[in-house]
Amino acid sequence: MEAFKPGVPVIGRVLEFDAERGLGMLTTRDGDTVAFHCTAISDGSRTVEVGKDVVFVIAPGHLGLSEARDVTPIEAGIPPDLG
């Protein structure tokens, strides 16, 4: 995974999501993958649609592995300031 800056938004897409476990995987524009838990979804929902474009930040997680936080579905295309 490329170096990342904590708190800097990243654009990606939901690769998979297991609603029973609340775990999913996102991919970045660069093709890196990062895991997330349903509690990281910023709108309070506990699920997100596979294939959905999202904005998120990458942060250190358990055991030193990176994880996605503040996962926000992009409803109307990519915001111009992130494009």
N, C-alpha and C. Protein backbone atom coordinates (compact mmCIF):
# COMPACT_ATOMS: atom_id res chain seq x y z
N MET A 1 0.85 -1.17 0.00
CA MET A 1 0.00 0.00 0.00
C MET A 1 0.89 1.23 0.00
N GLU A 2 0.50 2.21 -0.78
CA GLU A 2 1.24 3.46 -0.82
C GLU A 2 1.18 4.13 0.55
N ALA A 3 2.17 4.99 0.78
CA ALA A 3 2.14 5.77 2.02
C ALA A 3 0.89 6.63 2.01
N PHE A 4 0.31 6.82 3.16
CA PHE A 4 -0.90 7.62 3.26
C PHE A 4 -0.71 8.66 4.34
N LYS A 5 -1.48 9.71 4.24
CA LYS A 5 -1.45 10.77 5.25
C LYS A 5 -2.71 10.62 6.09
N PRO A 6 -2.55 10.43 7.39
CA PRO A 6 -3.73 10.28 8.25
C PRO A 6 -4.69 11.45 8.10
N GLY A 7 -5.97 11.13 7.96
CA GLY A 7 -7.00 12.15 7.86
C GLY A 7 -7.22 12.71 6.47
N VAL A 8 -6.40 12.32 5.49
CA VAL A 8 -6.57 12.81 4.12
C VAL A 8 -7.56 11.90 3.40
N PRO A 9 -8.64 12.47 2.85
CA PRO A 9 -9.65 11.64 2.18
C PRO A 9 -9.10 10.88 0.98
N VAL A 10 -9.58 9.65 0.84
CA VAL A 10 -9.22 8.76 -0.26
C VAL A 10 -10.51 8.35 -0.96
N ILE A 11 -10.49 8.32 -2.28
CA ILE A 11 -11.66 7.86 -3.04
C ILE A 11 -11.47 6.40 -3.39
N GLY A 12 -12.53 5.62 -3.24
CA GLY A 12 -12.45 4.20 -3.57
C GLY A 12 -13.81 3.62 -3.86
N ARG A 13 -13.85 2.29 -3.84
CA ARG A 13 -15.09 1.56 -4.16
C ARG A 13 -15.19 0.35 -3.25
N VAL A 14 -16.40 -0.01 -2.88
CA VAL A 14 -16.64 -1.18 -2.04
C VAL A 14 -16.46 -2.44 -2.90
N LEU A 15 -15.51 -3.28 -2.52
CA LEU A 15 -15.26 -4.53 -3.23
C LEU A 15 -16.17 -5.65 -2.74
N GLU A 16 -16.31 -5.71 -1.42
CA GLU A 16 -17.15 -6.74 -0.83
C GLU A 16 -17.61 -6.27 0.54
N PHE A 17 -18.72 -6.84 0.99
CA PHE A 17 -19.23 -6.51 2.32
C PHE A 17 -20.05 -7.67 2.83
N ASP A 18 -19.70 -8.15 4.01
CA ASP A 18 -20.41 -9.25 4.67
C ASP A 18 -21.26 -8.63 5.78
N ALA A 19 -22.55 -8.50 5.54
CA ALA A 19 -23.44 -7.84 6.50
C ALA A 19 -23.54 -8.60 7.82
N GLU A 20 -23.44 -9.93 7.80
CA GLU A 20 -23.52 -10.71 9.03
C GLU A 20 -22.35 -10.42 9.96
N ARG A 21 -21.17 -10.29 9.39
CA ARG A 21 -19.97 -10.03 10.19
C ARG A 21 -19.69 -8.53 10.32
N GLY A 22 -20.28 -7.72 9.43
CA GLY A 22 -20.04 -6.28 9.46
C GLY A 22 -18.69 -5.88 8.92
N LEU A 23 -18.10 -6.75 8.12
CA LEU A 23 -16.76 -6.50 7.58
C LEU A 23 -16.80 -6.36 6.07
N GLY A 24 -15.92 -5.50 5.58
CA GLY A 24 -15.85 -5.31 4.14
C GLY A 24 -14.47 -4.92 3.68
N MET A 25 -14.33 -4.84 2.37
CA MET A 25 -13.07 -4.45 1.74
C MET A 25 -13.35 -3.32 0.75
N LEU A 26 -12.45 -2.35 0.74
CA LEU A 26 -12.52 -1.24 -0.21
C LEU A 26 -11.29 -1.29 -1.09
N THR A 27 -11.37 -0.70 -2.27
CA THR A 27 -10.20 -0.55 -3.12
C THR A 27 -10.01 0.94 -3.40
N THR A 28 -8.76 1.35 -3.48
CA THR A 28 -8.45 2.74 -3.81
C THR A 28 -8.32 2.87 -5.32
N ARG A 29 -8.21 4.10 -5.79
CA ARG A 29 -7.99 4.34 -7.23
C ARG A 29 -6.69 3.70 -7.70
N ASP A 30 -5.72 3.54 -6.78
CA ASP A 30 -4.43 2.96 -7.13
C ASP A 30 -4.45 1.44 -7.09
N GLY A 31 -5.59 0.86 -6.71
CA GLY A 31 -5.72 -0.58 -6.68
C GLY A 31 -5.36 -1.23 -5.36
N ASP A 32 -5.04 -0.43 -4.35
CA ASP A 32 -4.77 -0.99 -3.02
C ASP A 32 -6.09 -1.37 -2.36
N THR A 33 -6.06 -2.36 -1.48
CA THR A 33 -7.26 -2.74 -0.76
C THR A 33 -7.08 -2.46 0.72
N VAL A 34 -8.17 -2.14 1.36
CA VAL A 34 -8.16 -1.84 2.79
C VAL A 34 -9.46 -2.34 3.40
N ALA A 35 -9.37 -2.88 4.61
CA ALA A 35 -10.55 -3.43 5.29
C ALA A 35 -11.29 -2.33 6.06
N PHE A 36 -12.55 -2.59 6.32
CA PHE A 36 -13.33 -1.70 7.17
C PHE A 36 -14.39 -2.48 7.92
N HIS A 37 -14.83 -1.92 9.03
CA HIS A 37 -15.91 -2.50 9.83
C HIS A 37 -17.12 -1.61 9.66
N CYS A 38 -18.30 -2.17 9.81
CA CYS A 38 -19.54 -1.41 9.60
C CYS A 38 -19.64 -0.19 10.51
N THR A 39 -18.96 -0.21 11.66
CA THR A 39 -18.99 0.95 12.54
C THR A 39 -18.23 2.14 11.96
N ALA A 40 -17.46 1.92 10.88
CA ALA A 40 -16.71 3.00 10.23
C ALA A 40 -17.56 3.76 9.21
N ILE A 41 -18.78 3.28 8.94
CA ILE A 41 -19.66 3.95 7.97
C ILE A 41 -20.20 5.21 8.63
N SER A 42 -19.92 6.35 8.03
CA SER A 42 -20.15 7.63 8.69
C SER A 42 -21.61 8.04 8.84
N ASP A 43 -22.50 7.51 8.00
CA ASP A 43 -23.90 7.95 8.09
C ASP A 43 -24.71 7.17 9.13
N GLY A 44 -24.04 6.29 9.87
CA GLY A 44 -24.72 5.55 10.93
C GLY A 44 -25.36 4.26 10.48
N SER A 45 -25.45 4.04 9.17
CA SER A 45 -26.00 2.77 8.70
C SER A 45 -24.99 1.67 8.99
N ARG A 46 -25.41 0.45 8.94
CA ARG A 46 -24.52 -0.67 9.21
C ARG A 46 -24.25 -1.50 7.97
N THR A 47 -24.56 -0.94 6.81
CA THR A 47 -24.33 -1.67 5.57
C THR A 47 -24.02 -0.68 4.45
N VAL A 48 -23.36 -1.19 3.42
CA VAL A 48 -23.04 -0.38 2.25
C VAL A 48 -23.06 -1.31 1.04
N GLU A 49 -23.51 -0.79 -0.07
CA GLU A 49 -23.69 -1.57 -1.28
C GLU A 49 -22.36 -1.86 -1.97
N VAL A 50 -22.16 -3.12 -2.36
CA VAL A 50 -20.97 -3.51 -3.12
C VAL A 50 -20.99 -2.76 -4.45
N GLY A 51 -19.85 -2.23 -4.85
CA GLY A 51 -19.73 -1.46 -6.09
C GLY A 51 -19.94 0.03 -5.89
N LYS A 52 -20.35 0.43 -4.69
CA LYS A 52 -20.61 1.83 -4.38
C LYS A 52 -19.30 2.60 -4.25
N ASP A 53 -19.23 3.80 -4.85
CA ASP A 53 -18.09 4.68 -4.66
C ASP A 53 -18.18 5.31 -3.29
N VAL A 54 -17.04 5.43 -2.61
CA VAL A 54 -16.98 5.97 -1.26
C VAL A 54 -15.76 6.87 -1.09
N VAL A 55 -15.83 7.71 -0.09
CA VAL A 55 -14.68 8.49 0.37
C VAL A 55 -14.39 7.99 1.78
N PHE A 56 -13.11 7.85 2.11
CA PHE A 56 -12.72 7.36 3.43
C PHE A 56 -11.33 7.85 3.77
N VAL A 57 -10.93 7.66 5.00
CA VAL A 57 -9.55 7.91 5.41
C VAL A 57 -8.95 6.59 5.86
N ILE A 58 -7.64 6.47 5.68
CA ILE A 58 -6.93 5.26 6.08
C ILE A 58 -6.18 5.58 7.36
N ALA A 59 -6.31 4.69 8.34
CA ALA A 59 -5.68 4.91 9.64
C ALA A 59 -5.12 3.59 10.16
N PRO A 60 -4.18 3.66 11.08
CA PRO A 60 -3.68 2.43 11.69
C PRO A 60 -4.81 1.73 12.44
N GLY A 61 -4.86 0.43 12.30
CA GLY A 61 -5.89 -0.35 12.98
C GLY A 61 -5.27 -1.36 13.92
N HIS A 62 -6.02 -2.43 14.19
CA HIS A 62 -5.54 -3.48 15.07
C HIS A 62 -4.30 -4.16 14.50
N LEU A 63 -3.42 -4.52 15.38
CA LEU A 63 -2.19 -5.25 15.02
C LEU A 63 -1.32 -4.50 14.02
N GLY A 64 -1.49 -3.18 13.93
CA GLY A 64 -0.66 -2.38 13.03
C GLY A 64 -1.10 -2.39 11.59
N LEU A 65 -2.19 -3.08 11.28
CA LEU A 65 -2.69 -3.11 9.91
C LEU A 65 -3.52 -1.86 9.65
N SER A 66 -3.50 -1.37 8.42
CA SER A 66 -4.30 -0.20 8.07
C SER A 66 -5.76 -0.58 7.91
N GLU A 67 -6.65 0.36 8.24
CA GLU A 67 -8.08 0.14 8.06
C GLU A 67 -8.71 1.44 7.60
N ALA A 68 -9.88 1.33 6.99
CA ALA A 68 -10.62 2.51 6.54
C ALA A 68 -11.52 3.00 7.67
N ARG A 69 -11.60 4.30 7.79
CA ARG A 69 -12.50 4.94 8.77
C ARG A 69 -13.27 6.04 8.06
N ASP A 70 -14.34 6.48 8.69
CA ASP A 70 -15.18 7.56 8.13
C ASP A 70 -15.58 7.25 6.68
N VAL A 71 -16.05 6.03 6.45
CA VAL A 71 -16.47 5.59 5.11
C VAL A 71 -17.79 6.30 4.77
N THR A 72 -17.76 7.09 3.70
CA THR A 72 -18.91 7.89 3.30
C THR A 72 -19.29 7.57 1.86
N PRO A 73 -20.46 7.00 1.63
CA PRO A 73 -20.90 6.74 0.25
C PRO A 73 -21.02 8.04 -0.53
N ILE A 74 -20.60 7.99 -1.78
CA ILE A 74 -20.72 9.14 -2.67
C ILE A 74 -22.02 8.98 -3.44
N GLU A 75 -22.97 9.84 -3.17
CA GLU A 75 -24.31 9.71 -3.73
C GLU A 75 -24.46 10.29 -5.14
N ALA A 76 -23.76 11.36 -5.43
CA ALA A 76 -23.96 12.05 -6.70
C ALA A 76 -22.62 12.30 -7.39
N GLY A 77 -21.83 11.27 -7.56
CA GLY A 77 -20.55 11.43 -8.21
C GLY A 77 -19.48 11.89 -7.24
N ILE A 78 -18.29 11.98 -7.73
CA ILE A 78 -17.14 12.36 -6.90
C ILE A 78 -17.14 13.87 -6.70
N PRO A 79 -17.06 14.32 -5.45
CA PRO A 79 -17.03 15.77 -5.20
C PRO A 79 -15.86 16.42 -5.94
N PRO A 80 -16.06 17.61 -6.52
CA PRO A 80 -15.02 18.27 -7.32
C PRO A 80 -13.71 18.48 -6.56
N ASP A 81 -13.76 18.74 -5.27
CA ASP A 81 -12.55 18.97 -4.51
C ASP A 81 -11.73 17.70 -4.27
N LEU A 82 -12.29 16.53 -4.58
CA LEU A 82 -11.58 15.27 -4.44
C LEU A 82 -11.24 14.63 -5.77
N GLY A 83 -11.80 15.15 -6.85
CA GLY A 83 -11.62 14.56 -8.17
C GLY A 83 -10.25 14.70 -8.68
